[in-house]
Amino acid sequence: MRLNVFTDYCLRTLMYVGVNQGTLVTRGDIATAYGISGNHLMKVVNWLAREGYVETVRGKGGGMQLARDPSAISIGAIVRACEAADALVECFDPATSRCRITPACRLKGILGQAMGAMYRELDQHTLADLLVRPRPLAALLHLA
């Protein structure tokens, strides 16, 4: 299984903002730290703000910060929300599936169980778990 880029960037953004708790950070800060496009992050930051994970401040001196305590941000909930539009395999979406073997195939059930196990594990973790040792993460992100 592979997470889409949007999910990856959401998680990385939350980790960056979490390591910088108490400080406003910008989309540019995050883009530079990870070596990714600031334009790609625009959609991510807008979604995180709309969903209530980050608060944004516009204008000079603006930026973003966590809107919730890291222990209240479920990794499983974020991944579920970000991945909802992407079916793991074609037959998971009966409205668009054209797979000819669906009626006799057992793979869908096995993959569904595997995905369920992944989400059960992710549901046991929060952003706080990812920030337990912030110093090594901060050093890798070139933060003071």
C-alpha atoms as a PDB file:
ATOM      1  CA  MET A   1       0.000   0.000   0.000  1.00  0.00           C
ATOM      2  CA  ARG A   2       1.160   3.476  -0.751  1.00  0.00           C
ATOM      3  CA  LEU A   3      -0.075   6.794   0.597  1.00  0.00           C
ATOM      4  CA  ASN A   4      -0.792   9.506  -1.927  1.00  0.00           C
ATOM      5  CA  VAL A   5       1.385  12.628  -2.029  1.00  0.00           C
ATOM      6  CA  PHE A   6      -1.353  14.761  -0.470  1.00  0.00           C
ATOM      7  CA  THR A   7      -1.482  12.496   2.597  1.00  0.00           C
ATOM      8  CA  ASP A   8       2.313  12.473   2.865  1.00  0.00           C
ATOM      9  CA  TYR A   9       2.470  16.273   2.710  1.00  0.00           C
ATOM     10  CA  CYS A  10      -0.341  16.626   5.274  1.00  0.00           C
ATOM     11  CA  LEU A  11       1.513  14.435   7.741  1.00  0.00           C
ATOM     12  CA  ARG A  12       4.853  16.126   7.115  1.00  0.00           C
ATOM     13  CA  THR A  13       3.271  19.575   7.463  1.00  0.00           C
ATOM     14  CA  LEU A  14       1.711  18.629  10.793  1.00  0.00           C
ATOM     15  CA  MET A  15       5.025  17.252  12.023  1.00  0.00           C
ATOM     16  CA  TYR A  16       6.840  20.454  11.038  1.00  0.00           C
ATOM     17  CA  VAL A  17       4.222  22.680  12.644  1.00  0.00           C
ATOM     18  CA  GLY A  18       4.200  20.420  15.712  1.00  0.00           C
ATOM     19  CA  VAL A  19       7.963  20.637  16.163  1.00  0.00           C
ATOM     20  CA  ASN A  20       7.578  24.433  16.035  1.00  0.00           C
ATOM     21  CA  GLN A  21       4.791  24.667  18.627  1.00  0.00           C
ATOM     22  CA  GLY A  22       4.338  28.209  19.840  1.00  0.00           C
ATOM     23  CA  THR A  23       5.803  29.680  16.663  1.00  0.00           C
ATOM     24  CA  LEU A  24       4.047  30.666  13.466  1.00  0.00           C
ATOM     25  CA  VAL A  25       5.551  28.867  10.471  1.00  0.00           C
ATOM     26  CA  THR A  26       4.983  29.594   6.809  1.00  0.00           C
ATOM     27  CA  ARG A  27       4.294  27.396   3.858  1.00  0.00           C
ATOM     28  CA  GLY A  28       7.676  28.551   2.518  1.00  0.00           C
ATOM     29  CA  ASP A  29       9.417  27.368   5.701  1.00  0.00           C
ATOM     30  CA  ILE A  30       7.911  23.910   5.248  1.00  0.00           C
ATOM     31  CA  ALA A  31       8.674  23.780   1.526  1.00  0.00           C
ATOM     32  CA  THR A  32      12.306  24.717   2.141  1.00  0.00           C
ATOM     33  CA  ALA A  33      12.724  22.261   5.012  1.00  0.00           C
ATOM     34  CA  TYR A  34      11.432  19.332   2.964  1.00  0.00           C
ATOM     35  CA  GLY A  35      12.654  20.450  -0.461  1.00  0.00           C
ATOM     36  CA  ILE A  36       9.147  20.392  -1.938  1.00  0.00           C
ATOM     37  CA  SER A  37       7.070  22.881  -3.905  1.00  0.00           C
ATOM     38  CA  GLY A  38       5.329  25.631  -1.957  1.00  0.00           C
ATOM     39  CA  ASN A  39       2.549  25.514  -4.535  1.00  0.00           C
ATOM     40  CA  HIS A  40       1.910  21.848  -3.709  1.00  0.00           C
ATOM     41  CA  LEU A  41       1.607  22.802  -0.063  1.00  0.00           C
ATOM     42  CA  MET A  42      -1.048  25.455  -0.707  1.00  0.00           C
ATOM     43  CA  LYS A  43      -3.807  22.853  -1.095  1.00  0.00           C
ATOM     44  CA  VAL A  44      -2.477  20.902   1.894  1.00  0.00           C
ATOM     45  CA  VAL A  45      -2.430  23.930   4.210  1.00  0.00           C
ATOM     46  CA  ASN A  46      -5.885  25.027   3.052  1.00  0.00           C
ATOM     47  CA  TRP A  47      -7.285  21.556   3.774  1.00  0.00           C
ATOM     48  CA  LEU A  48      -5.575  21.320   7.181  1.00  0.00           C
ATOM     49  CA  ALA A  49      -6.992  24.742   8.118  1.00  0.00           C
ATOM     50  CA  ARG A  50     -10.487  23.909   6.838  1.00  0.00           C
ATOM     51  CA  GLU A  51     -10.477  20.647   8.824  1.00  0.00           C
ATOM     52  CA  GLY A  52      -9.350  22.450  11.987  1.00  0.00           C
ATOM     53  CA  TYR A  53      -5.883  20.946  12.333  1.00  0.00           C
ATOM     54  CA  VAL A  54      -4.019  24.248  11.885  1.00  0.00           C
ATOM     55  CA  GLU A  55      -4.861  27.891  12.417  1.00  0.00           C
ATOM     56  CA  THR A  56      -3.593  30.386   9.885  1.00  0.00           C
ATOM     57  CA  VAL A  57      -2.741  34.056  10.302  1.00  0.00           C
ATOM     58  CA  ARG A  58      -2.644  36.151   7.135  1.00  0.00           C
ATOM     59  CA  GLY A  59      -0.401  39.054   6.319  1.00  0.00           C
ATOM     60  CA  LYS A  60       3.077  40.153   7.266  1.00  0.00           C
ATOM     61  CA  GLY A  61       4.331  38.099  10.176  1.00  0.00           C
ATOM     62  CA  GLY A  62       1.616  35.527   9.509  1.00  0.00           C
ATOM     63  CA  GLY A  63       1.854  31.799   9.233  1.00  0.00           C
ATOM     64  CA  MET A  64       0.262  28.769  10.816  1.00  0.00           C
ATOM     65  CA  GLN A  65       0.249  26.857  14.059  1.00  0.00           C
ATOM     66  CA  LEU A  66      -1.510  23.807  15.409  1.00  0.00           C
ATOM     67  CA  ALA A  67      -5.174  24.402  16.199  1.00  0.00           C
ATOM     68  CA  ARG A  68      -5.370  21.320  18.425  1.00  0.00           C
ATOM     69  CA  ASP A  69      -3.168  19.631  20.943  1.00  0.00           C
ATOM     70  CA  PRO A  70      -0.964  17.062  19.143  1.00  0.00           C
ATOM     71  CA  SER A  71      -2.484  14.294  21.270  1.00  0.00           C
ATOM     72  CA  ALA A  72      -5.897  15.135  19.769  1.00  0.00           C
ATOM     73  CA  ILE A  73      -4.726  14.681  16.163  1.00  0.00           C
ATOM     74  CA  SER A  74      -5.248  11.065  15.099  1.00  0.00           C
ATOM     75  CA  ILE A  75      -2.924   9.760  12.397  1.00  0.00           C
ATOM     76  CA  GLY A  76      -5.586   7.250  11.355  1.00  0.00           C
ATOM     77  CA  ALA A  77      -8.231   9.956  10.935  1.00  0.00           C
ATOM     78  CA  ILE A  78      -5.951  12.079   8.779  1.00  0.00           C
ATOM     79  CA  VAL A  79      -4.903   9.202   6.540  1.00  0.00           C
ATOM     80  CA  ARG A  80      -8.532   8.031   6.166  1.00  0.00           C
ATOM     81  CA  ALA A  81      -9.700  11.518   5.207  1.00  0.00           C
ATOM     82  CA  CYS A  82      -6.862  12.117   2.760  1.00  0.00           C
ATOM     83  CA  GLU A  83      -7.059   8.698   1.125  1.00  0.00           C
ATOM     84  CA  ALA A  84     -10.884   8.497   0.933  1.00  0.00           C
ATOM     85  CA  ALA A  85     -11.025   9.411  -2.750  1.00  0.00           C
ATOM     86  CA  ASP A  86      -8.446   6.817  -3.808  1.00  0.00           C
ATOM     87  CA  ALA A  87      -9.689   3.235  -4.024  1.00  0.00           C
ATOM     88  CA  LEU A  88      -6.940   0.742  -3.254  1.00  0.00           C
ATOM     89  CA  VAL A  89      -7.971  -1.343  -6.244  1.00  0.00           C
ATOM     90  CA  GLU A  90     -10.603  -0.805  -8.924  1.00  0.00           C
ATOM     91  CA  CYS A  91     -13.175  -3.179  -7.437  1.00  0.00           C
ATOM     92  CA  PHE A  92     -13.321  -1.211  -4.157  1.00  0.00           C
ATOM     93  CA  ASP A  93     -15.448   1.357  -5.996  1.00  0.00           C
ATOM     94  CA  PRO A  94     -18.439  -0.526  -7.424  1.00  0.00           C
ATOM     95  CA  ALA A  95     -19.671   2.596  -9.225  1.00  0.00           C
ATOM     96  CA  THR A  96     -16.628   2.664 -11.512  1.00  0.00           C
ATOM     97  CA  SER A  97     -15.285  -0.895 -11.359  1.00  0.00           C
ATOM     98  CA  ARG A  98     -15.054  -2.727 -14.653  1.00  0.00           C
ATOM     99  CA  CYS A  99     -13.134  -5.688 -13.264  1.00  0.00           C
ATOM    100  CA  ARG A 100     -14.468  -8.874 -14.845  1.00  0.00           C
ATOM    101  CA  ILE A 101     -13.442 -11.227 -12.051  1.00  0.00           C
ATOM    102  CA  THR A 102     -15.038  -9.346  -9.125  1.00  0.00           C
ATOM    103  CA  PRO A 103     -17.841 -11.894  -8.556  1.00  0.00           C
ATOM    104  CA  ALA A 104     -15.330 -14.747  -8.032  1.00  0.00           C
ATOM    105  CA  CYS A 105     -12.295 -12.862  -6.738  1.00  0.00           C
ATOM    106  CA  ARG A 106     -11.188 -13.236  -3.133  1.00  0.00           C
ATOM    107  CA  LEU A 107      -8.429 -10.628  -3.360  1.00  0.00           C
ATOM    108  CA  LYS A 108     -10.812  -7.764  -2.527  1.00  0.00           C
ATOM    109  CA  GLY A 109     -11.585  -9.302   0.874  1.00  0.00           C
ATOM    110  CA  ILE A 110      -7.942  -9.933   1.679  1.00  0.00           C
ATOM    111  CA  LEU A 111      -6.932  -6.415   0.699  1.00  0.00           C
ATOM    112  CA  GLY A 112      -9.846  -5.002   2.689  1.00  0.00           C
ATOM    113  CA  GLN A 113      -8.663  -6.878   5.785  1.00  0.00           C
ATOM    114  CA  ALA A 114      -5.106  -5.643   5.260  1.00  0.00           C
ATOM    115  CA  MET A 115      -6.306  -2.062   4.918  1.00  0.00           C
ATOM    116  CA  GLY A 116      -8.426  -2.466   8.046  1.00  0.00           C
ATOM    117  CA  ALA A 117      -5.381  -3.673   9.963  1.00  0.00           C
ATOM    118  CA  MET A 118      -3.375  -0.678   8.764  1.00  0.00           C
ATOM    119  CA  TYR A 119      -6.073   1.756   9.922  1.00  0.00           C
ATOM    120  CA  ARG A 120      -6.456  -0.010  13.274  1.00  0.00           C
ATOM    121  CA  GLU A 121      -2.726   0.500  13.848  1.00  0.00           C
ATOM    122  CA  LEU A 122      -2.774   4.133  12.680  1.00  0.00           C
ATOM    123  CA  ASP A 123      -5.789   4.820  14.919  1.00  0.00           C
ATOM    124  CA  GLN A 124      -3.617   4.002  17.943  1.00  0.00           C
ATOM    125  CA  HIS A 125      -1.244   6.895  17.193  1.00  0.00           C
ATOM    126  CA  THR A 126      -1.459  10.660  17.332  1.00  0.00           C
ATOM    127  CA  LEU A 127       0.714  13.529  16.201  1.00  0.00           C
ATOM    128  CA  ALA A 128       2.088  13.620  19.750  1.00  0.00           C
ATOM    129  CA  ASP A 129       3.584  10.155  19.154  1.00  0.00           C
ATOM    130  CA  LEU A 130       5.491  11.529  16.175  1.00  0.00           C
ATOM    131  CA  LEU A 131       6.855  14.402  18.246  1.00  0.00           C
ATOM    132  CA  VAL A 132       8.120  12.424  21.256  1.00  0.00           C
ATOM    133  CA  ARG A 133      11.758  13.171  20.390  1.00  0.00           C
ATOM    134  CA  PRO A 134      11.556  16.524  18.609  1.00  0.00           C
ATOM    135  CA  ARG A 135      15.259  17.423  18.712  1.00  0.00           C
ATOM    136  CA  PRO A 136      16.490  14.934  16.091  1.00  0.00           C
ATOM    137  CA  LEU A 137      13.563  15.855  13.830  1.00  0.00           C
ATOM    138  CA  ALA A 138      14.221  19.581  14.330  1.00  0.00           C
ATOM    139  CA  ALA A 139      17.902  19.069  13.507  1.00  0.00           C
ATOM    140  CA  LEU A 140      17.060  17.259  10.276  1.00  0.00           C
ATOM    141  CA  LEU A 141      14.702  20.099   9.337  1.00  0.00           C
ATOM    142  CA  HIS A 142      17.460  22.660  10.118  1.00  0.00           C
ATOM    143  CA  LEU A 143      15.488  24.305  12.894  1.00  0.00           C
ATOM    144  CA  ALA A 144      17.155  26.179  15.739  1.00  0.00           C
END
